[in-house]
Amino acid sequence: LQKELLKYKQEARNLQGIKDALQQRLIQQDAAVLQLKQELLRANMDKEELHNQNADLQRKVEERNRLLAEYKKELCQKDRHLQQHQSKLDEMLRQLSEASYQQVDLERELEHKEALLAHCMKREAEE
């Protein structure tokens, strides 16, 4: 019986050692699982933050695109007005040039008539 008892005590110690080793392994695995859960939580938080930043940047891009479209529209309108004013300016310059030529012609004609008048007055005075 004593041999058997020692045998069972030895077996019990072996089983206790196996149990302790398995418990230690279980504790390590629980710690690893806890660490992985924490990393997953951090990764999810980072992912959510990046998603929010992405949404914010997307909103800013859309706002800038809207402003850009408005500026392009305004620029097109200003270009049209500029072209209209340029054509009016060109027409006015053309009219001014014509008026200037007419003025030169009229001044020559006036000088010619004044010369004729002076010549006639001189002839009348001589007669």
C-alpha atoms as a PDB file:
ATOM      1  CA  LEU A   1       0.000   0.000   0.000  1.00  0.00           C
ATOM      2  CA  GLN A   2       2.846   2.318   0.886  1.00  0.00           C
ATOM      3  CA  LYS A   3       4.450   1.766  -2.492  1.00  0.00           C
ATOM      4  CA  GLU A   4       1.147   2.389  -4.135  1.00  0.00           C
ATOM      5  CA  LEU A   5       0.624   5.501  -2.002  1.00  0.00           C
ATOM      6  CA  LEU A   6       4.065   6.830  -2.969  1.00  0.00           C
ATOM      7  CA  LYS A   7       3.304   6.039  -6.569  1.00  0.00           C
ATOM      8  CA  TYR A   8       0.028   7.973  -6.386  1.00  0.00           C
ATOM      9  CA  LYS A   9       1.698  10.828  -4.492  1.00  0.00           C
ATOM     10  CA  GLN A  10       4.362  10.987  -7.217  1.00  0.00           C
ATOM     11  CA  GLU A  11       1.642  10.910  -9.849  1.00  0.00           C
ATOM     12  CA  ALA A  12      -0.233  13.649  -7.964  1.00  0.00           C
ATOM     13  CA  ARG A  13       2.931  15.802  -7.866  1.00  0.00           C
ATOM     14  CA  ASN A  14       3.473  15.223 -11.576  1.00  0.00           C
ATOM     15  CA  LEU A  15      -0.138  16.132 -12.286  1.00  0.00           C
ATOM     16  CA  GLN A  16       0.174  19.193 -10.008  1.00  0.00           C
ATOM     17  CA  GLY A  17       3.309  20.249 -11.934  1.00  0.00           C
ATOM     18  CA  ILE A  18       1.481  19.787 -15.227  1.00  0.00           C
ATOM     19  CA  LYS A  19      -1.494  21.718 -13.816  1.00  0.00           C
ATOM     20  CA  ASP A  20       0.778  24.577 -12.623  1.00  0.00           C
ATOM     21  CA  ALA A  21       2.536  24.700 -16.005  1.00  0.00           C
ATOM     22  CA  LEU A  22      -0.820  24.752 -17.824  1.00  0.00           C
ATOM     23  CA  GLN A  23      -2.094  27.482 -15.495  1.00  0.00           C
ATOM     24  CA  GLN A  24       1.068  29.518 -16.143  1.00  0.00           C
ATOM     25  CA  ARG A  25       0.610  29.021 -19.876  1.00  0.00           C
ATOM     26  CA  LEU A  26      -3.052  30.039 -19.558  1.00  0.00           C
ATOM     27  CA  ILE A  27      -2.035  33.211 -17.685  1.00  0.00           C
ATOM     28  CA  GLN A  28       0.477  34.052 -20.431  1.00  0.00           C
ATOM     29  CA  GLN A  29      -2.116  33.435 -23.119  1.00  0.00           C
ATOM     30  CA  ASP A  30      -4.665  35.589 -21.250  1.00  0.00           C
ATOM     31  CA  ALA A  31      -2.061  38.367 -21.018  1.00  0.00           C
ATOM     32  CA  ALA A  32      -1.343  38.026 -24.744  1.00  0.00           C
ATOM     33  CA  VAL A  33      -5.080  38.099 -25.544  1.00  0.00           C
ATOM     34  CA  LEU A  34      -5.516  41.183 -23.351  1.00  0.00           C
ATOM     35  CA  GLN A  35      -2.593  42.888 -25.099  1.00  0.00           C
ATOM     36  CA  LEU A  36      -4.066  42.016 -28.516  1.00  0.00           C
ATOM     37  CA  LYS A  37      -7.456  43.394 -27.439  1.00  0.00           C
ATOM     38  CA  GLN A  38      -5.786  46.635 -26.337  1.00  0.00           C
ATOM     39  CA  GLU A  39      -3.923  46.874 -29.641  1.00  0.00           C
ATOM     40  CA  LEU A  40      -7.147  46.194 -31.523  1.00  0.00           C
ATOM     41  CA  LEU A  41      -8.929  48.905 -29.533  1.00  0.00           C
ATOM     42  CA  ARG A  42      -6.106  51.373 -30.287  1.00  0.00           C
ATOM     43  CA  ALA A  43      -6.156  50.380 -33.957  1.00  0.00           C
ATOM     44  CA  ASN A  44      -9.934  50.886 -34.090  1.00  0.00           C
ATOM     45  CA  MET A  45      -9.600  54.276 -32.414  1.00  0.00           C
ATOM     46  CA  ASP A  46      -6.853  55.260 -34.873  1.00  0.00           C
ATOM     47  CA  LYS A  47      -9.009  54.013 -37.735  1.00  0.00           C
ATOM     48  CA  GLU A  48     -11.970  56.081 -36.501  1.00  0.00           C
ATOM     49  CA  GLU A  49      -9.754  59.149 -36.118  1.00  0.00           C
ATOM     50  CA  LEU A  50      -8.393  58.682 -39.640  1.00  0.00           C
ATOM     51  CA  HIS A  51     -11.931  58.226 -40.934  1.00  0.00           C
ATOM     52  CA  ASN A  52     -12.976  61.487 -39.264  1.00  0.00           C
ATOM     53  CA  GLN A  53      -9.926  63.290 -40.642  1.00  0.00           C
ATOM     54  CA  ASN A  54     -10.660  61.890 -44.083  1.00  0.00           C
ATOM     55  CA  ALA A  55     -14.273  63.062 -43.877  1.00  0.00           C
ATOM     56  CA  ASP A  56     -13.099  66.514 -42.752  1.00  0.00           C
ATOM     57  CA  LEU A  57     -10.563  66.721 -45.581  1.00  0.00           C
ATOM     58  CA  GLN A  58     -13.192  65.547 -48.073  1.00  0.00           C
ATOM     59  CA  ARG A  59     -15.547  68.280 -46.856  1.00  0.00           C
ATOM     60  CA  LYS A  60     -12.774  70.872 -47.218  1.00  0.00           C
ATOM     61  CA  VAL A  61     -11.959  69.636 -50.736  1.00  0.00           C
ATOM     62  CA  GLU A  62     -15.627  69.867 -51.718  1.00  0.00           C
ATOM     63  CA  GLU A  63     -15.843  73.394 -50.287  1.00  0.00           C
ATOM     64  CA  ARG A  64     -12.708  74.444 -52.162  1.00  0.00           C
ATOM     65  CA  ASN A  65     -14.027  72.871 -55.353  1.00  0.00           C
ATOM     66  CA  ARG A  66     -17.267  74.811 -54.916  1.00  0.00           C
ATOM     67  CA  LEU A  67     -15.322  78.046 -54.383  1.00  0.00           C
ATOM     68  CA  LEU A  68     -13.139  77.252 -57.381  1.00  0.00           C
ATOM     69  CA  ALA A  69     -16.222  76.757 -59.552  1.00  0.00           C
ATOM     70  CA  GLU A  70     -17.623  80.084 -58.334  1.00  0.00           C
ATOM     71  CA  TYR A  71     -14.326  81.842 -59.046  1.00  0.00           C
ATOM     72  CA  LYS A  72     -14.179  80.317 -62.515  1.00  0.00           C
ATOM     73  CA  LYS A  73     -17.733  81.494 -63.177  1.00  0.00           C
ATOM     74  CA  GLU A  74     -16.889  85.007 -61.977  1.00  0.00           C
ATOM     75  CA  LEU A  75     -13.720  84.993 -64.054  1.00  0.00           C
ATOM     76  CA  CYS A  76     -15.675  84.009 -67.170  1.00  0.00           C
ATOM     77  CA  GLN A  77     -18.151  86.829 -66.546  1.00  0.00           C
ATOM     78  CA  LYS A  78     -15.319  89.309 -66.044  1.00  0.00           C
ATOM     79  CA  ASP A  79     -13.657  88.049 -69.228  1.00  0.00           C
ATOM     80  CA  ARG A  80     -16.903  88.635 -71.140  1.00  0.00           C
ATOM     81  CA  HIS A  81     -17.210  92.133 -69.684  1.00  0.00           C
ATOM     82  CA  LEU A  82     -13.587  92.816 -70.502  1.00  0.00           C
ATOM     83  CA  GLN A  83     -14.107  91.677 -74.093  1.00  0.00           C
ATOM     84  CA  GLN A  84     -17.205  93.880 -74.366  1.00  0.00           C
ATOM     85  CA  HIS A  85     -15.337  96.870 -72.973  1.00  0.00           C
ATOM     86  CA  GLN A  86     -12.355  96.113 -75.206  1.00  0.00           C
ATOM     87  CA  SER A  87     -14.560  96.084 -78.305  1.00  0.00           C
ATOM     88  CA  LYS A  88     -16.209  99.344 -77.183  1.00  0.00           C
ATOM     89  CA  LEU A  89     -12.785 100.852 -76.578  1.00  0.00           C
ATOM     90  CA  ASP A  90     -11.597  99.704 -80.017  1.00  0.00           C
ATOM     91  CA  GLU A  91     -14.693 101.268 -81.617  1.00  0.00           C
ATOM     92  CA  MET A  92     -14.169 104.532 -79.724  1.00  0.00           C
ATOM     93  CA  LEU A  93     -10.488 104.602 -80.723  1.00  0.00           C
ATOM     94  CA  ARG A  94     -11.518 104.051 -84.339  1.00  0.00           C
ATOM     95  CA  GLN A  95     -14.055 106.894 -84.096  1.00  0.00           C
ATOM     96  CA  LEU A  96     -11.475 109.114 -82.407  1.00  0.00           C
ATOM     97  CA  SER A  97      -9.012 108.344 -85.168  1.00  0.00           C
ATOM     98  CA  GLU A  98     -11.631 109.211 -87.821  1.00  0.00           C
ATOM     99  CA  ALA A  99     -12.502 112.418 -85.980  1.00  0.00           C
ATOM    100  CA  SER A 100      -8.821 113.266 -85.775  1.00  0.00           C
ATOM    101  CA  TYR A 101      -8.426 112.758 -89.543  1.00  0.00           C
ATOM    102  CA  GLN A 102     -11.531 114.894 -90.163  1.00  0.00           C
ATOM    103  CA  GLN A 103     -10.155 117.581 -87.854  1.00  0.00           C
ATOM    104  CA  VAL A 104      -6.849 117.616 -89.757  1.00  0.00           C
ATOM    105  CA  ASP A 105      -8.746 117.823 -93.068  1.00  0.00           C
ATOM    106  CA  LEU A 106     -10.942 120.633 -91.738  1.00  0.00           C
ATOM    107  CA  GLU A 107      -7.915 122.530 -90.421  1.00  0.00           C
ATOM    108  CA  ARG A 108      -6.215 122.250 -93.837  1.00  0.00           C
ATOM    109  CA  GLU A 109      -9.392 123.395 -95.554  1.00  0.00           C
ATOM    110  CA  LEU A 110      -9.672 126.293 -93.093  1.00  0.00           C
ATOM    111  CA  GLU A 111      -6.060 127.286 -93.699  1.00  0.00           C
ATOM    112  CA  HIS A 112      -6.641 127.088 -97.450  1.00  0.00           C
ATOM    113  CA  LYS A 113      -9.797 129.229 -97.202  1.00  0.00           C
ATOM    114  CA  GLU A 114      -8.045 131.694 -94.927  1.00  0.00           C
ATOM    115  CA  ALA A 115      -5.234 131.921 -97.457  1.00  0.00           C
ATOM    116  CA  LEU A 116      -7.806 132.444-100.262  1.00  0.00           C
ATOM    117  CA  LEU A 117      -9.598 135.035 -98.155  1.00  0.00           C
ATOM    118  CA  ALA A 118      -6.335 136.823 -97.410  1.00  0.00           C
ATOM    119  CA  HIS A 119      -5.463 136.704-101.105  1.00  0.00           C
ATOM    120  CA  CYS A 120      -8.888 138.057-102.050  1.00  0.00           C
ATOM    121  CA  MET A 121      -8.665 140.792 -99.421  1.00  0.00           C
ATOM    122  CA  LYS A 122      -5.231 141.734-100.687  1.00  0.00           C
ATOM    123  CA  ARG A 123      -6.495 141.856-104.266  1.00  0.00           C
ATOM    124  CA  GLU A 124      -9.527 143.925-103.236  1.00  0.00           C
ATOM    125  CA  ALA A 125      -7.296 146.266-101.336  1.00  0.00           C
ATOM    126  CA  GLU A 126      -5.100 146.647-104.403  1.00  0.00           C
ATOM    127  CA  GLU A 127      -8.090 147.362-106.628  1.00  0.00           C
END
